[in-house]
């Protein structure tokens, strides 16, 4: 039977797992929403003869930075969750 401290520790590990998964999945969904909203603006800019030459360059740069940002958050959250899981596995071994 687990002690109260061990049960509390497992509870906090569960909370951390839910949070890290939520942050990772949330970042992926926010990335898709962010890019789709930005595409609406960039599509309008590409229709104007004045802004057309730069529209695709700016869109590509924007999308690259956006993907890097959101995917970095998702990756850090995923690896943090894996690290906590590994630590828990080592402590219970």
PDB file of N, CA and C in Angstrom:
ATOM      1  N   UNK A   1       0.838  -1.179   0.000  1.00  0.00           N
ATOM      2  CA  UNK A   1       0.000   0.000   0.000  1.00  0.00           C
ATOM      3  C   UNK A   1       0.886   1.247   0.000  1.00  0.00           C
ATOM      4  N   UNK A   2       0.489   2.222  -0.772  1.00  0.00           N
ATOM      5  CA  UNK A   2       1.273   3.440  -0.864  1.00  0.00           C
ATOM      6  C   UNK A   2       1.001   4.348   0.325  1.00  0.00           C
ATOM      7  N   UNK A   3       2.050   5.065   0.686  1.00  0.00           N
ATOM      8  CA  UNK A   3       1.869   6.060   1.735  1.00  0.00           C
ATOM      9  C   UNK A   3       1.130   7.257   1.156  1.00  0.00           C
ATOM     10  N   UNK A   4       0.691   8.143   2.035  1.00  0.00           N
ATOM     11  CA  UNK A   4      -0.026   9.330   1.583  1.00  0.00           C
ATOM     12  C   UNK A   4       0.884  10.216   0.726  1.00  0.00           C
ATOM     13  N   UNK A   5       2.160  10.310   1.087  1.00  0.00           N
ATOM     14  CA  UNK A   5       3.100  11.113   0.305  1.00  0.00           C
ATOM     15  C   UNK A   5       3.288  10.542  -1.100  1.00  0.00           C
ATOM     16  N   UNK A   6       3.374   9.216  -1.213  1.00  0.00           N
ATOM     17  CA  UNK A   6       3.544   8.585  -2.518  1.00  0.00           C
ATOM     18  C   UNK A   6       2.304   8.803  -3.379  1.00  0.00           C
ATOM     19  N   UNK A   7       1.127   8.718  -2.793  1.00  0.00           N
ATOM     20  CA  UNK A   7      -0.105   8.960  -3.538  1.00  0.00           C
ATOM     21  C   UNK A   7      -0.177  10.405  -4.005  1.00  0.00           C
ATOM     22  N   UNK A   8       0.225  11.319  -3.141  1.00  0.00           N
ATOM     23  CA  UNK A   8       0.252  12.732  -3.519  1.00  0.00           C
ATOM     24  C   UNK A   8       1.234  12.997  -4.640  1.00  0.00           C
ATOM     25  N   UNK A   9       2.377  12.338  -4.570  1.00  0.00           N
ATOM     26  CA  UNK A   9       3.400  12.472  -5.607  1.00  0.00           C
ATOM     27  C   UNK A   9       2.859  11.970  -6.944  1.00  0.00           C
ATOM     28  N   UNK A  10       2.191  10.826  -6.925  1.00  0.00           N
ATOM     29  CA  UNK A  10       1.607  10.279  -8.156  1.00  0.00           C
ATOM     30  C   UNK A  10       0.535  11.217  -8.706  1.00  0.00           C
ATOM     31  N   UNK A  11      -0.240  11.832  -7.810  1.00  0.00           N
ATOM     32  CA  UNK A  11      -1.276  12.767  -8.236  1.00  0.00           C
ATOM     33  C   UNK A  11      -0.639  13.949  -8.968  1.00  0.00           C
ATOM     34  N   UNK A  12       0.426  14.499  -8.400  1.00  0.00           N
ATOM     35  CA  UNK A  12       1.099  15.638  -9.030  1.00  0.00           C
ATOM     36  C   UNK A  12       1.730  15.250 -10.364  1.00  0.00           C
ATOM     37  N   UNK A  13       2.251  14.029 -10.454  1.00  0.00           N
ATOM     38  CA  UNK A  13       2.772  13.561 -11.741  1.00  0.00           C
ATOM     39  C   UNK A  13       1.650  13.451 -12.776  1.00  0.00           C
ATOM     40  N   UNK A  14       0.482  13.035 -12.341  1.00  0.00           N
ATOM     41  CA  UNK A  14      -0.676  12.982 -13.232  1.00  0.00           C
ATOM     42  C   UNK A  14      -1.087  14.368 -13.702  1.00  0.00           C
ATOM     43  N   UNK A  15      -1.087  15.322 -12.787  1.00  0.00           N
ATOM     44  CA  UNK A  15      -1.403  16.706 -13.140  1.00  0.00           C
ATOM     45  C   UNK A  15      -0.386  17.230 -14.153  1.00  0.00           C
ATOM     46  N   UNK A  16       0.887  16.959 -13.901  1.00  0.00           N
ATOM     47  CA  UNK A  16       1.943  17.408 -14.818  1.00  0.00           C
ATOM     48  C   UNK A  16       1.761  16.772 -16.190  1.00  0.00           C
ATOM     49  N   UNK A  17       1.378  15.499 -16.234  1.00  0.00           N
ATOM     50  CA  UNK A  17       1.168  14.819 -17.505  1.00  0.00           C
ATOM     51  C   UNK A  17       0.011  15.457 -18.276  1.00  0.00           C
ATOM     52  N   UNK A  18      -1.078  15.732 -17.587  1.00  0.00           N
ATOM     53  CA  UNK A  18      -2.225  16.380 -18.237  1.00  0.00           C
ATOM     54  C   UNK A  18      -1.831  17.761 -18.756  1.00  0.00           C
ATOM     55  N   UNK A  19      -1.106  18.515 -17.956  1.00  0.00           N
ATOM     56  CA  UNK A  19      -0.691  19.860 -18.367  1.00  0.00           C
ATOM     57  C   UNK A  19       0.247  19.832 -19.567  1.00  0.00           C
ATOM     58  N   UNK A  20       1.239  18.953 -19.524  1.00  0.00           N
ATOM     59  CA  UNK A  20       2.191  18.917 -20.643  1.00  0.00           C
ATOM     60  C   UNK A  20       1.508  18.455 -21.929  1.00  0.00           C
ATOM     61  N   UNK A  21       0.609  17.488 -21.829  1.00  0.00           N
ATOM     62  CA  UNK A  21      -0.138  17.056 -23.018  1.00  0.00           C
ATOM     63  C   UNK A  21      -1.049  18.171 -23.522  1.00  0.00           C
ATOM     64  N   UNK A  22      -1.693  18.869 -22.596  1.00  0.00           N
ATOM     65  CA  UNK A  22      -2.574  19.975 -22.977  1.00  0.00           C
ATOM     66  C   UNK A  22      -1.819  21.104 -23.655  1.00  0.00           C
ATOM     67  N   UNK A  23      -0.658  21.440 -23.132  1.00  0.00           N
ATOM     68  CA  UNK A  23       0.146  22.501 -23.731  1.00  0.00           C
ATOM     69  C   UNK A  23       0.617  22.085 -25.118  1.00  0.00           C
ATOM     70  N   UNK A  24       1.071  20.856 -25.243  1.00  0.00           N
ATOM     71  CA  UNK A  24       1.548  20.363 -26.536  1.00  0.00           C
ATOM     72  C   UNK A  24       0.437  20.359 -27.581  1.00  0.00           C
ATOM     73  N   UNK A  25      -0.707  19.781 -27.234  1.00  0.00           N
ATOM     74  CA  UNK A  25      -1.830  19.724 -28.173  1.00  0.00           C
ATOM     75  C   UNK A  25      -2.388  21.121 -28.448  1.00  0.00           C
ATOM     76  N   UNK A  26      -2.456  21.945 -27.413  1.00  0.00           N
ATOM     77  CA  UNK A  26      -2.949  23.306 -27.582  1.00  0.00           C
ATOM     78  C   UNK A  26      -2.070  24.123 -28.513  1.00  0.00           C
ATOM     79  N   UNK A  27      -0.759  23.972 -28.390  1.00  0.00           N
ATOM     80  CA  UNK A  27       0.158  24.704 -29.264  1.00  0.00           C
ATOM     81  C   UNK A  27      -0.024  24.278 -30.720  1.00  0.00           C
ATOM     82  N   UNK A  28      -0.252  22.997 -30.951  1.00  0.00           N
ATOM     83  CA  UNK A  28      -0.465  22.517 -32.318  1.00  0.00           C
ATOM     84  C   UNK A  28      -1.752  23.090 -32.909  1.00  0.00           C
ATOM     85  N   UNK A  29      -2.800  23.127 -32.111  1.00  0.00           N
ATOM     86  CA  UNK A  29      -4.064  23.676 -32.594  1.00  0.00           C
ATOM     87  C   UNK A  29      -3.965  25.181 -32.812  1.00  0.00           C
ATOM     88  N   UNK A  30      -3.315  25.874 -31.890  1.00  0.00           N
ATOM     89  CA  UNK A  30      -3.139  27.321 -32.052  1.00  0.00           C
ATOM     90  C   UNK A  30      -2.310  27.651 -33.287  1.00  0.00           C
ATOM     91  N   UNK A  31      -1.322  26.838 -33.589  1.00  0.00           N
ATOM     92  CA  UNK A  31      -0.521  27.049 -34.800  1.00  0.00           C
ATOM     93  C   UNK A  31      -1.412  27.011 -36.040  1.00  0.00           C
ATOM     94  N   UNK A  32      -2.268  25.989 -36.121  1.00  0.00           N
ATOM     95  CA  UNK A  32      -3.147  25.870 -37.287  1.00  0.00           C
ATOM     96  C   UNK A  32      -4.094  27.067 -37.399  1.00  0.00           C
ATOM     97  N   UNK A  33      -4.652  27.497 -36.270  1.00  0.00           N
ATOM     98  CA  UNK A  33      -5.563  28.642 -36.284  1.00  0.00           C
ATOM     99  C   UNK A  33      -4.811  29.906 -36.684  1.00  0.00           C
ATOM    100  N   UNK A  34      -3.656  30.124 -36.089  1.00  0.00           N
ATOM    101  CA  UNK A  34      -2.840  31.297 -36.390  1.00  0.00           C
ATOM    102  C   UNK A  34      -2.523  31.375 -37.882  1.00  0.00           C
ATOM    103  N   UNK A  35      -2.070  30.262 -38.452  1.00  0.00           N
ATOM    104  CA  UNK A  35      -1.703  30.248 -39.861  1.00  0.00           C
ATOM    105  C   UNK A  35      -2.918  30.460 -40.773  1.00  0.00           C
ATOM    106  N   UNK A  36      -4.050  29.885 -40.417  1.00  0.00           N
ATOM    107  CA  UNK A  36      -5.227  30.051 -41.278  1.00  0.00           C
ATOM    108  C   UNK A  36      -5.734  31.488 -41.237  1.00  0.00           C
ATOM    109  N   UNK A  37      -5.688  32.128 -40.075  1.00  0.00           N
ATOM    110  CA  UNK A  37      -6.085  33.535 -39.993  1.00  0.00           C
ATOM    111  C   UNK A  37      -5.103  34.401 -40.777  1.00  0.00           C
ATOM    112  N   UNK A  38      -3.825  34.140 -40.636  1.00  0.00           N
ATOM    113  CA  UNK A  38      -2.817  34.911 -41.368  1.00  0.00           C
ATOM    114  C   UNK A  38      -2.970  34.729 -42.871  1.00  0.00           C
ATOM    115  N   UNK A  39      -3.328  33.529 -43.313  1.00  0.00           N
ATOM    116  CA  UNK A  39      -3.503  33.282 -44.750  1.00  0.00           C
ATOM    117  C   UNK A  39      -4.603  34.157 -45.343  1.00  0.00           C
ATOM    118  N   UNK A  40      -5.642  34.431 -44.569  1.00  0.00           N
ATOM    119  CA  UNK A  40      -6.701  35.320 -45.051  1.00  0.00           C
ATOM    120  C   UNK A  40      -6.129  36.688 -45.398  1.00  0.00           C
ATOM    121  N   UNK A  41      -5.301  37.223 -44.519  1.00  0.00           N
ATOM    122  CA  UNK A  41      -4.686  38.531 -44.754  1.00  0.00           C
ATOM    123  C   UNK A  41      -3.709  38.483 -45.916  1.00  0.00           C
ATOM    124  N   UNK A  42      -2.873  37.457 -45.938  1.00  0.00           N
ATOM    125  CA  UNK A  42      -1.894  37.356 -47.019  1.00  0.00           C
ATOM    126  C   UNK A  42      -2.562  37.142 -48.380  1.00  0.00           C
ATOM    127  N   UNK A  43      -3.702  36.454 -48.398  1.00  0.00           N
ATOM    128  CA  UNK A  43      -4.434  36.292 -49.660  1.00  0.00           C
ATOM    129  C   UNK A  43      -4.924  37.643 -50.172  1.00  0.00           C
ATOM    130  N   UNK A  44      -5.397  38.477 -49.257  1.00  0.00           N
ATOM    131  CA  UNK A  44      -5.814  39.829 -49.663  1.00  0.00           C
ATOM    132  C   UNK A  44      -4.631  40.646 -50.172  1.00  0.00           C
ATOM    133  N   UNK A  45      -3.515  40.558 -49.478  1.00  0.00           N
ATOM    134  CA  UNK A  45      -2.332  41.309 -49.901  1.00  0.00           C
ATOM    135  C   UNK A  45      -1.820  40.854 -51.265  1.00  0.00           C
ATOM    136  N   UNK A  46      -1.971  39.589 -51.570  1.00  0.00           N
ATOM    137  CA  UNK A  46      -1.477  39.080 -52.852  1.00  0.00           C
ATOM    138  C   UNK A  46      -2.348  39.519 -54.021  1.00  0.00           C
ATOM    139  N   UNK A  47      -3.538  40.018 -53.751  1.00  0.00           N
ATOM    140  CA  UNK A  47      -4.433  40.485 -54.816  1.00  0.00           C
ATOM    141  C   UNK A  47      -4.119  41.906 -55.265  1.00  0.00           C
ATOM    142  N   UNK A  48      -3.479  42.662 -54.409  1.00  0.00           N
ATOM    143  CA  UNK A  48      -3.182  44.057 -54.732  1.00  0.00           C
ATOM    144  C   UNK A  48      -1.861  44.143 -55.501  1.00  0.00           C
ATOM    145  N   UNK A  49      -1.850  44.870 -56.616  1.00  0.00           N
ATOM    146  CA  UNK A  49      -0.610  44.986 -57.395  1.00  0.00           C
ATOM    147  C   UNK A  49       0.527  45.653 -56.615  1.00  0.00           C
ATOM    148  N   UNK A  50       0.186  46.500 -55.668  1.00  0.00           N
ATOM    149  CA  UNK A  50       1.216  47.206 -54.892  1.00  0.00           C
ATOM    150  C   UNK A  50       1.904  46.266 -53.903  1.00  0.00           C
ATOM    151  N   UNK A  51       1.132  45.419 -53.256  1.00  0.00           N
ATOM    152  CA  UNK A  51       1.689  44.544 -52.213  1.00  0.00           C
ATOM    153  C   UNK A  51       2.024  43.140 -52.708  1.00  0.00           C
ATOM    154  N   UNK A  52       1.586  42.810 -53.903  1.00  0.00           N
ATOM    155  CA  UNK A  52       1.797  41.452 -54.441  1.00  0.00           C
ATOM    156  C   UNK A  52       3.262  41.005 -54.444  1.00  0.00           C
ATOM    157  N   UNK A  53       4.217  41.850 -54.868  1.00  0.00           N
ATOM    158  CA  UNK A  53       5.609  41.373 -54.943  1.00  0.00           C
ATOM    159  C   UNK A  53       6.182  40.917 -53.597  1.00  0.00           C
ATOM    160  N   UNK A  54       5.732  41.526 -52.513  1.00  0.00           N
ATOM    161  CA  UNK A  54       6.291  41.195 -51.201  1.00  0.00           C
ATOM    162  C   UNK A  54       5.411  40.245 -50.400  1.00  0.00           C
ATOM    163  N   UNK A  55       4.213  40.051 -50.854  1.00  0.00           N
ATOM    164  CA  UNK A  55       3.254  39.257 -50.090  1.00  0.00           C
ATOM    165  C   UNK A  55       3.756  37.844 -49.797  1.00  0.00           C
ATOM    166  N   UNK A  56       4.258  37.155 -50.793  1.00  0.00           N
ATOM    167  CA  UNK A  56       4.706  35.767 -50.591  1.00  0.00           C
ATOM    168  C   UNK A  56       5.974  35.681 -49.754  1.00  0.00           C
ATOM    169  N   UNK A  57       6.850  36.657 -49.905  1.00  0.00           N
ATOM    170  CA  UNK A  57       8.080  36.674 -49.098  1.00  0.00           C
ATOM    171  C   UNK A  57       7.725  36.838 -47.629  1.00  0.00           C
ATOM    172  N   UNK A  58       6.831  37.785 -47.355  1.00  0.00           N
ATOM    173  CA  UNK A  58       6.427  38.034 -45.970  1.00  0.00           C
ATOM    174  C   UNK A  58       5.633  36.848 -45.428  1.00  0.00           C
ATOM    175  N   UNK A  59       4.758  36.258 -46.260  1.00  0.00           N
ATOM    176  CA  UNK A  59       3.981  35.088 -45.829  1.00  0.00           C
ATOM    177  C   UNK A  59       4.909  33.933 -45.451  1.00  0.00           C
ATOM    178  N   UNK A  60       5.892  33.661 -46.288  1.00  0.00           N
ATOM    179  CA  UNK A  60       6.831  32.571 -46.023  1.00  0.00           C
ATOM    180  C   UNK A  60       7.609  32.819 -44.732  1.00  0.00           C
ATOM    181  N   UNK A  61       8.077  34.040 -44.563  1.00  0.00           N
ATOM    182  CA  UNK A  61       8.814  34.390 -43.336  1.00  0.00           C
ATOM    183  C   UNK A  61       7.913  34.273 -42.119  1.00  0.00           C
ATOM    184  N   UNK A  62       6.725  34.830 -42.214  1.00  0.00           N
ATOM    185  CA  UNK A  62       5.768  34.768 -41.100  1.00  0.00           C
ATOM    186  C   UNK A  62       5.448  33.324 -40.727  1.00  0.00           C
ATOM    187  N   UNK A  63       5.129  32.515 -41.722  1.00  0.00           N
ATOM    188  CA  UNK A  63       4.753  31.124 -41.452  1.00  0.00           C
ATOM    189  C   UNK A  63       5.929  30.331 -40.857  1.00  0.00           C
ATOM    190  N   UNK A  64       7.135  30.611 -41.322  1.00  0.00           N
ATOM    191  CA  UNK A  64       8.303  29.906 -40.771  1.00  0.00           C
ATOM    192  C   UNK A  64       8.514  30.253 -39.303  1.00  0.00           C
ATOM    193  N   UNK A  65       8.428  31.521 -38.979  1.00  0.00           N
ATOM    194  CA  UNK A  65       8.606  31.952 -37.581  1.00  0.00           C
ATOM    195  C   UNK A  65       7.474  31.411 -36.710  1.00  0.00           C
ATOM    196  N   UNK A  66       6.264  31.443 -37.233  1.00  0.00           N
ATOM    197  CA  UNK A  66       5.112  30.936 -36.478  1.00  0.00           C
ATOM    198  C   UNK A  66       5.261  29.445 -36.197  1.00  0.00           C
ATOM    199  N   UNK A  67       5.611  28.676 -37.223  1.00  0.00           N
ATOM    200  CA  UNK A  67       5.788  27.231 -37.029  1.00  0.00           C
ATOM    201  C   UNK A  67       6.894  26.944 -36.019  1.00  0.00           C
ATOM    202  N   UNK A  68       8.008  27.654 -36.141  1.00  0.00           N
ATOM    203  CA  UNK A  68       9.114  27.461 -35.210  1.00  0.00           C
ATOM    204  C   UNK A  68       8.679  27.756 -33.773  1.00  0.00           C
ATOM    205  N   UNK A  69       7.945  28.824 -33.587  1.00  0.00           N
ATOM    206  CA  UNK A  69       7.515  29.224 -32.242  1.00  0.00           C
ATOM    207  C   UNK A  69       6.578  28.200 -31.616  1.00  0.00           C
ATOM    208  N   UNK A  70       5.506  27.871 -32.307  1.00  0.00           N
ATOM    209  CA  UNK A  70       4.519  26.942 -31.742  1.00  0.00           C
ATOM    210  C   UNK A  70       5.084  25.534 -31.593  1.00  0.00           C
ATOM    211  N   UNK A  71       5.876  25.099 -32.545  1.00  0.00           N
ATOM    212  CA  UNK A  71       6.430  23.747 -32.463  1.00  0.00           C
ATOM    213  C   UNK A  71       7.497  23.652 -31.376  1.00  0.00           C
ATOM    214  N   UNK A  72       8.184  24.756 -31.104  1.00  0.00           N
ATOM    215  CA  UNK A  72       9.144  24.760 -29.990  1.00  0.00           C
ATOM    216  C   UNK A  72       8.422  24.583 -28.667  1.00  0.00           C
ATOM    217  N   UNK A  73       7.313  25.289 -28.497  1.00  0.00           N
ATOM    218  CA  UNK A  73       6.518  25.149 -27.263  1.00  0.00           C
ATOM    219  C   UNK A  73       6.012  23.718 -27.136  1.00  0.00           C
ATOM    220  N   UNK A  74       5.473  23.161 -28.210  1.00  0.00           N
ATOM    221  CA  UNK A  74       4.950  21.794 -28.171  1.00  0.00           C
ATOM    222  C   UNK A  74       6.052  20.780 -27.875  1.00  0.00           C
ATOM    223  N   UNK A  75       7.219  20.973 -28.463  1.00  0.00           N
ATOM    224  CA  UNK A  75       8.335  20.046 -28.248  1.00  0.00           C
ATOM    225  C   UNK A  75       8.830  20.111 -26.812  1.00  0.00           C
ATOM    226  N   UNK A  76       8.977  21.310 -26.272  1.00  0.00           N
ATOM    227  CA  UNK A  76       9.424  21.444 -24.882  1.00  0.00           C
ATOM    228  C   UNK A  76       8.413  20.799 -23.942  1.00  0.00           C
ATOM    229  N   UNK A  77       7.127  21.014 -24.176  1.00  0.00           N
ATOM    230  CA  UNK A  77       6.104  20.406 -23.318  1.00  0.00           C
ATOM    231  C   UNK A  77       6.144  18.885 -23.411  1.00  0.00           C
ATOM    232  N   UNK A  78       6.267  18.354 -24.618  1.00  0.00           N
ATOM    233  CA  UNK A  78       6.318  16.905 -24.799  1.00  0.00           C
ATOM    234  C   UNK A  78       7.532  16.302 -24.097  1.00  0.00           C
ATOM    235  N   UNK A  79       8.688  16.922 -24.277  1.00  0.00           N
ATOM    236  CA  UNK A  79       9.901  16.390 -23.651  1.00  0.00           C
ATOM    237  C   UNK A  79       9.879  16.551 -22.131  1.00  0.00           C
ATOM    238  N   UNK A  80       9.263  17.602 -21.647  1.00  0.00           N
ATOM    239  CA  UNK A  80       9.119  17.765 -20.200  1.00  0.00           C
ATOM    240  C   UNK A  80       8.256  16.642 -19.632  1.00  0.00           C
ATOM    241  N   UNK A  81       7.165  16.329 -20.320  1.00  0.00           N
ATOM    242  CA  UNK A  81       6.312  15.222 -19.886  1.00  0.00           C
ATOM    243  C   UNK A  81       7.042  13.897 -19.912  1.00  0.00           C
ATOM    244  N   UNK A  82       7.834  13.669 -20.958  1.00  0.00           N
ATOM    245  CA  UNK A  82       8.603  12.427 -21.045  1.00  0.00           C
ATOM    246  C   UNK A  82       9.655  12.358 -19.939  1.00  0.00           C
ATOM    247  N   UNK A  83      10.289  13.478 -19.662  1.00  0.00           N
ATOM    248  CA  UNK A  83      11.294  13.525 -18.600  1.00  0.00           C
ATOM    249  C   UNK A  83      10.670  13.203 -17.250  1.00  0.00           C
ATOM    250  N   UNK A  84       9.518  13.797 -16.959  1.00  0.00           N
ATOM    251  CA  UNK A  84       8.836  13.510 -15.692  1.00  0.00           C
ATOM    252  C   UNK A  84       8.423  12.050 -15.606  1.00  0.00           C
ATOM    253  N   UNK A  85       7.975  11.502 -16.730  1.00  0.00           N
ATOM    254  CA  UNK A  85       7.602  10.087 -16.758  1.00  0.00           C
ATOM    255  C   UNK A  85       8.812   9.188 -16.520  1.00  0.00           C
ATOM    256  N   UNK A  86       9.939   9.541 -17.127  1.00  0.00           N
ATOM    257  CA  UNK A  86      11.173   8.765 -16.937  1.00  0.00           C
ATOM    258  C   UNK A  86      11.659   8.847 -15.491  1.00  0.00           C
ATOM    259  N   UNK A  87      11.582  10.028 -14.917  1.00  0.00           N
ATOM    260  CA  UNK A  87      11.990  10.198 -13.518  1.00  0.00           C
ATOM    261  C   UNK A  87      11.114   9.353 -12.626  1.00  0.00           C
ATOM    262  N   UNK A  88       9.803   9.364 -12.888  1.00  0.00           N
ATOM    263  CA  UNK A  88       8.891   8.562 -12.088  1.00  0.00           C
ATOM    264  C   UNK A  88       9.197   7.071 -12.250  1.00  0.00           C
ATOM    265  N   UNK A  89       9.490   6.648 -13.482  1.00  0.00           N
ATOM    266  CA  UNK A  89       9.830   5.239 -13.722  1.00  0.00           C
ATOM    267  C   UNK A  89      11.083   4.822 -12.976  1.00  0.00           C
ATOM    268  N   UNK A  90      12.078   5.702 -12.936  1.00  0.00           N
ATOM    269  CA  UNK A  90      13.326   5.408 -12.228  1.00  0.00           C
ATOM    270  C   UNK A  90      13.117   5.368 -10.723  1.00  0.00           C
ATOM    271  N   UNK A  91      12.250   6.216 -10.211  1.00  0.00           N
ATOM    272  CA  UNK A  91      11.996   6.228  -8.766  1.00  0.00           C
ATOM    273  C   UNK A  91      11.215   4.995  -8.322  1.00  0.00           C
ATOM    274  N   UNK A  92      10.357   4.495  -9.198  1.00  0.00           N
ATOM    275  CA  UNK A  92       9.556   3.328  -8.838  1.00  0.00           C
ATOM    276  C   UNK A  92      10.255   2.006  -9.124  1.00  0.00           C
ATOM    277  N   UNK A  93      11.439   2.064  -9.732  1.00  0.00           N
ATOM    278  CA  UNK A  93      12.163   0.822 -10.056  1.00  0.00           C
ATOM    279  C   UNK A  93      12.855   0.246  -8.843  1.00  0.00           C
TER     280      UNK A  93
END
